Protein backbone atom coordinates (compact mmCIF):
# COMPACT_ATOMS: atom_id res chain seq x y z
CA MET A 1 107.17 84.09 88.15
CA GLN A 2 103.10 83.81 87.96
CA GLN A 3 101.27 85.34 84.68
CA PRO A 4 100.97 89.22 85.68
CA VAL A 5 97.12 89.15 85.18
CA PRO A 6 95.26 86.23 85.86
CA THR A 7 93.71 84.41 82.94
CA VAL A 8 90.02 84.17 84.58
CA PHE A 9 89.87 87.85 84.58
CA LEU A 10 90.78 88.30 81.02
CA LYS A 11 87.99 85.57 80.51
CA ALA A 12 85.38 86.95 82.68
CA ARG A 13 86.14 90.14 80.43
CA SER A 14 86.07 88.87 77.19
CA CYS A 15 90.03 89.94 77.07
CA ASP A 16 92.47 87.96 74.82
CA TYR A 17 96.59 88.47 75.12
CA VAL A 18 98.59 90.07 72.47
CA GLN A 19 101.24 89.99 73.71
CA VAL A 20 103.22 89.24 77.09
CA LYS A 21 107.24 89.29 77.36
CA GLN A 22 109.60 89.19 80.23
CA ARG A 23 112.39 90.31 80.89
CA GLY A 24 113.89 90.18 84.32
CA ARG A 25 111.67 91.24 86.42
CA THR A 26 109.70 93.38 84.40
CA VAL A 27 106.99 92.15 82.51
CA HIS A 28 105.76 93.82 79.39
CA TYR A 29 101.64 93.20 77.46
CA LYS A 30 99.44 94.16 75.47
CA VAL A 31 95.70 93.30 75.80
CA ASN A 32 92.28 93.91 74.32
CA CYS A 33 89.30 93.37 75.35
CA PHE A 34 85.74 93.22 73.34
CA THR A 35 82.65 95.35 74.57
CA GLN A 36 79.98 96.28 72.87
CA ASN A 37 81.29 99.54 71.93
CA GLY A 38 84.19 98.10 70.15
CA THR A 39 87.85 96.89 71.59
CA LEU A 40 89.40 98.20 74.32
CA ILE A 41 93.23 97.81 73.86
CA ASN A 42 95.78 98.38 76.87
CA GLU A 43 99.41 98.14 77.13
CA GLY A 44 102.04 98.68 79.77
CA SER A 45 104.59 97.30 81.87
CA VAL A 46 104.84 95.71 85.31
CA ARG A 47 107.89 96.12 87.18
CA TYR A 48 107.65 92.90 90.66
CA SER A 49 110.14 93.00 93.46
CA GLY A 50 110.00 90.93 96.07
CA SER A 51 105.99 91.43 97.05
CA HIS A 52 105.95 94.90 95.22
CA ALA A 53 105.16 95.79 91.80
CA ARG A 54 105.34 98.95 90.15
CA GLY A 55 103.99 99.49 86.76
CA SER A 56 102.75 102.39 83.91
CA SER A 57 99.79 101.44 81.43
CA ARG A 58 98.17 103.25 78.51
CA SER A 59 94.52 101.97 77.27
CA ASP A 60 92.67 103.44 74.12
CA LEU A 61 89.21 103.79 74.89
CA GLY A 62 88.70 104.74 71.03
CA ASP A 63 85.56 106.64 70.22
CA VAL A 64 84.13 108.26 73.40
CA ALA A 65 81.89 111.03 72.75
CA GLY A 66 83.16 111.54 69.42
CA ARG A 67 86.73 112.05 70.23
CA ASN A 68 89.31 109.24 70.57
CA SER A 69 90.10 108.69 74.20
CA VAL A 70 93.53 107.47 75.70
CA LEU A 71 93.94 106.60 79.76
CA ARG A 72 97.20 107.05 80.96
CA TYR A 73 97.90 105.85 84.74
CA LYS A 74 100.71 104.53 86.85
CA PHE A 75 100.40 102.15 89.62
CA THR A 76 102.29 100.52 93.07
CA GLY A 77 100.77 97.50 94.35
CA ARG A 78 102.43 94.26 96.74
CA TYR A 79 101.23 91.27 97.02
CA LEU A 80 98.82 90.26 100.28
CA GLY A 81 98.22 86.41 99.29
CA ALA A 82 96.21 84.05 97.62
CA CYS A 83 92.81 85.19 96.12
CA THR A 84 90.24 83.44 97.44
CA GLN A 85 87.04 82.69 95.69
CA ARG A 86 83.60 84.24 97.08
């Protein structure tokens, strides 16, 4: 299985893997991204099945407008082919 998030994507956004664990076809991850407003913490899991993927994620955005903000979402996708550089 390829890396679930390309390293180029993480470096372009000042992000680092904190944890990556693979169990069978499921990858659990935790990523920290460093922004002008502080650290964004994202953790979740992705299950790969053939050319399809399904997962969920939780992003701790920190203090936004005086409140701790958390974003939760679920996603599905499919592999369309290799990325091309533009």
